[in-house]
């Protein structure tokens, strides 16, 4: 199932969400924590 959203839009939304919660997505440990907690 494709989202049909431009990848730049997805990147912008992820960056905005990371800024809101204060997450540093450049850190691999933080990315793992976010991925584990994400609803799926």
PDB file of N, CA and C in Angstrom:
ATOM      1  N   UNK A   1       0.841  -1.174   0.000  1.00  0.00           N
ATOM      2  CA  UNK A   1       0.000   0.000   0.000  1.00  0.00           C
ATOM      3  C   UNK A   1       0.888   1.241   0.000  1.00  0.00           C
ATOM      4  N   UNK A   2       0.778   2.042  -0.989  1.00  0.00           N
ATOM      5  CA  UNK A   2       1.591   3.252  -1.108  1.00  0.00           C
ATOM      6  C   UNK A   2       0.876   4.435  -0.452  1.00  0.00           C
ATOM      7  N   UNK A   3       1.658   5.299   0.155  1.00  0.00           N
ATOM      8  CA  UNK A   3       1.088   6.485   0.786  1.00  0.00           C
ATOM      9  C   UNK A   3       0.717   7.555  -0.229  1.00  0.00           C
ATOM     10  N   UNK A   4       1.371   7.544  -1.363  1.00  0.00           N
ATOM     11  CA  UNK A   4       1.184   8.549  -2.405  1.00  0.00           C
ATOM     12  C   UNK A   4       1.421   9.965  -1.872  1.00  0.00           C
ATOM     13  N   UNK A   5       2.480  10.090  -1.065  1.00  0.00           N
ATOM     14  CA  UNK A   5       2.908  11.377  -0.533  1.00  0.00           C
ATOM     15  C   UNK A   5       4.349  11.564  -0.958  1.00  0.00           C
ATOM     16  N   UNK A   6       4.683  12.760  -1.402  1.00  0.00           N
ATOM     17  CA  UNK A   6       6.038  13.041  -1.858  1.00  0.00           C
ATOM     18  C   UNK A   6       7.024  12.804  -0.720  1.00  0.00           C
ATOM     19  N   UNK A   7       8.169  12.222  -1.038  1.00  0.00           N
ATOM     20  CA  UNK A   7       9.126  11.884   0.022  1.00  0.00           C
ATOM     21  C   UNK A   7       9.628  13.118   0.769  1.00  0.00           C
ATOM     22  N   UNK A   8       9.677  14.244   0.110  1.00  0.00           N
ATOM     23  CA  UNK A   8      10.069  15.480   0.793  1.00  0.00           C
ATOM     24  C   UNK A   8       9.056  15.875   1.858  1.00  0.00           C
ATOM     25  N   UNK A   9       7.781  15.635   1.572  1.00  0.00           N
ATOM     26  CA  UNK A   9       6.722  15.922   2.539  1.00  0.00           C
ATOM     27  C   UNK A   9       6.864  15.007   3.746  1.00  0.00           C
ATOM     28  N   UNK A  10       7.132  13.736   3.509  1.00  0.00           N
ATOM     29  CA  UNK A  10       7.302  12.786   4.606  1.00  0.00           C
ATOM     30  C   UNK A  10       8.491  13.187   5.461  1.00  0.00           C
ATOM     31  N   UNK A  11       9.605  13.542   4.827  1.00  0.00           N
ATOM     32  CA  UNK A  11      10.795  13.952   5.579  1.00  0.00           C
ATOM     33  C   UNK A  11      10.517  15.201   6.420  1.00  0.00           C
ATOM     34  N   UNK A  12       9.778  16.153   5.861  1.00  0.00           N
ATOM     35  CA  UNK A  12       9.449  17.380   6.577  1.00  0.00           C
ATOM     36  C   UNK A  12       8.574  17.074   7.793  1.00  0.00           C
ATOM     37  N   UNK A  13       7.601  16.204   7.617  1.00  0.00           N
ATOM     38  CA  UNK A  13       6.705  15.855   8.725  1.00  0.00           C
ATOM     39  C   UNK A  13       7.452  15.113   9.830  1.00  0.00           C
ATOM     40  N   UNK A  14       8.352  14.228   9.451  1.00  0.00           N
ATOM     41  CA  UNK A  14       9.151  13.510  10.448  1.00  0.00           C
ATOM     42  C   UNK A  14      10.033  14.490  11.209  1.00  0.00           C
ATOM     43  N   UNK A  15      10.659  15.417  10.490  1.00  0.00           N
ATOM     44  CA  UNK A  15      11.519  16.417  11.137  1.00  0.00           C
ATOM     45  C   UNK A  15      10.709  17.293  12.087  1.00  0.00           C
ATOM     46  N   UNK A  16       9.513  17.669  11.679  1.00  0.00           N
ATOM     47  CA  UNK A  16       8.662  18.509  12.530  1.00  0.00           C
ATOM     48  C   UNK A  16       8.258  17.744  13.801  1.00  0.00           C
ATOM     49  N   UNK A  17       7.887  16.485  13.643  1.00  0.00           N
ATOM     50  CA  UNK A  17       7.509  15.666  14.793  1.00  0.00           C
ATOM     51  C   UNK A  17       8.695  15.488  15.740  1.00  0.00           C
ATOM     52  N   UNK A  18       9.878  15.263  15.185  1.00  0.00           N
ATOM     53  CA  UNK A  18      11.074  15.100  16.007  1.00  0.00           C
ATOM     54  C   UNK A  18      11.370  16.382  16.780  1.00  0.00           C
ATOM     55  N   UNK A  19      11.186  17.524  16.138  1.00  0.00           N
ATOM     56  CA  UNK A  19      11.425  18.800  16.810  1.00  0.00           C
ATOM     57  C   UNK A  19      10.421  19.022  17.938  1.00  0.00           C
ATOM     58  N   UNK A  20       9.179  18.614  17.728  1.00  0.00           N
ATOM     59  CA  UNK A  20       8.145  18.803  18.747  1.00  0.00           C
ATOM     60  C   UNK A  20       8.435  17.997  20.014  1.00  0.00           C
ATOM     61  N   UNK A  21       8.957  16.805  19.849  1.00  0.00           N
ATOM     62  CA  UNK A  21       9.230  15.957  21.020  1.00  0.00           C
ATOM     63  C   UNK A  21      10.673  16.059  21.485  1.00  0.00           C
ATOM     64  N   UNK A  22      11.489  16.783  20.743  1.00  0.00           N
ATOM     65  CA  UNK A  22      12.879  16.970  21.133  1.00  0.00           C
ATOM     66  C   UNK A  22      13.751  15.758  20.872  1.00  0.00           C
ATOM     67  N   UNK A  23      13.405  14.966  19.867  1.00  0.00           N
ATOM     68  CA  UNK A  23      14.171  13.760  19.544  1.00  0.00           C
ATOM     69  C   UNK A  23      15.248  14.082  18.517  1.00  0.00           C
ATOM     70  N   UNK A  24      16.447  13.558  18.735  1.00  0.00           N
ATOM     71  CA  UNK A  24      17.548  13.709  17.787  1.00  0.00           C
ATOM     72  C   UNK A  24      17.596  12.458  16.913  1.00  0.00           C
ATOM     73  N   UNK A  25      16.971  12.510  15.746  1.00  0.00           N
ATOM     74  CA  UNK A  25      16.882  11.334  14.890  1.00  0.00           C
ATOM     75  C   UNK A  25      18.196  10.987  14.204  1.00  0.00           C
ATOM     76  N   UNK A  26      19.225  11.802  14.402  1.00  0.00           N
ATOM     77  CA  UNK A  26      20.546  11.457  13.883  1.00  0.00           C
ATOM     78  C   UNK A  26      21.204  10.391  14.765  1.00  0.00           C
ATOM     79  N   UNK A  27      20.684  10.228  15.977  1.00  0.00           N
ATOM     80  CA  UNK A  27      21.205   9.238  16.922  1.00  0.00           C
ATOM     81  C   UNK A  27      20.479   7.905  16.702  1.00  0.00           C
ATOM     82  N   UNK A  28      21.228   6.868  16.391  1.00  0.00           N
ATOM     83  CA  UNK A  28      20.643   5.558  16.082  1.00  0.00           C
ATOM     84  C   UNK A  28      19.851   5.000  17.257  1.00  0.00           C
ATOM     85  N   UNK A  29      20.323   5.204  18.477  1.00  0.00           N
ATOM     86  CA  UNK A  29      19.598   4.697  19.649  1.00  0.00           C
ATOM     87  C   UNK A  29      18.224   5.353  19.780  1.00  0.00           C
ATOM     88  N   UNK A  30      18.163   6.635  19.491  1.00  0.00           N
ATOM     89  CA  UNK A  30      16.888   7.351  19.554  1.00  0.00           C
ATOM     90  C   UNK A  30      15.950   6.832  18.473  1.00  0.00           C
ATOM     91  N   UNK A  31      16.471   6.596  17.266  1.00  0.00           N
ATOM     92  CA  UNK A  31      15.625   6.067  16.186  1.00  0.00           C
ATOM     93  C   UNK A  31      15.043   4.715  16.549  1.00  0.00           C
ATOM     94  N   UNK A  32      15.823   3.868  17.199  1.00  0.00           N
ATOM     95  CA  UNK A  32      15.324   2.555  17.614  1.00  0.00           C
ATOM     96  C   UNK A  32      14.219   2.725  18.649  1.00  0.00           C
ATOM     97  N   UNK A  33      14.422   3.607  19.615  1.00  0.00           N
ATOM     98  CA  UNK A  33      13.406   3.844  20.641  1.00  0.00           C
ATOM     99  C   UNK A  33      12.107   4.347  20.019  1.00  0.00           C
ATOM    100  N   UNK A  34      12.221   5.252  19.058  1.00  0.00           N
ATOM    101  CA  UNK A  34      11.036   5.788  18.382  1.00  0.00           C
ATOM    102  C   UNK A  34      10.337   4.684  17.589  1.00  0.00           C
ATOM    103  N   UNK A  35      11.096   3.872  16.907  1.00  0.00           N
ATOM    104  CA  UNK A  35      10.515   2.792  16.100  1.00  0.00           C
ATOM    105  C   UNK A  35       9.818   1.765  16.976  1.00  0.00           C
ATOM    106  N   UNK A  36      10.380   1.462  18.136  1.00  0.00           N
ATOM    107  CA  UNK A  36       9.789   0.465  19.034  1.00  0.00           C
ATOM    108  C   UNK A  36       8.492   0.975  19.629  1.00  0.00           C
ATOM    109  N   UNK A  37       8.439   2.251  19.893  1.00  0.00           N
ATOM    110  CA  UNK A  37       7.241   2.838  20.524  1.00  0.00           C
ATOM    111  C   UNK A  37       6.161   3.199  19.520  1.00  0.00           C
ATOM    112  N   UNK A  38       6.478   3.225  18.244  1.00  0.00           N
ATOM    113  CA  UNK A  38       5.510   3.619  17.229  1.00  0.00           C
ATOM    114  C   UNK A  38       4.407   2.579  17.101  1.00  0.00           C
ATOM    115  N   UNK A  39       3.161   3.032  16.975  1.00  0.00           N
ATOM    116  CA  UNK A  39       2.073   2.073  16.779  1.00  0.00           C
ATOM    117  C   UNK A  39       2.189   1.425  15.417  1.00  0.00           C
ATOM    118  N   UNK A  40       1.857   0.198  15.333  1.00  0.00           N
ATOM    119  CA  UNK A  40       2.049  -0.457  14.056  1.00  0.00           C
ATOM    120  C   UNK A  40       0.980  -1.378  13.733  1.00  0.00           C
TER     121      UNK A  40
END
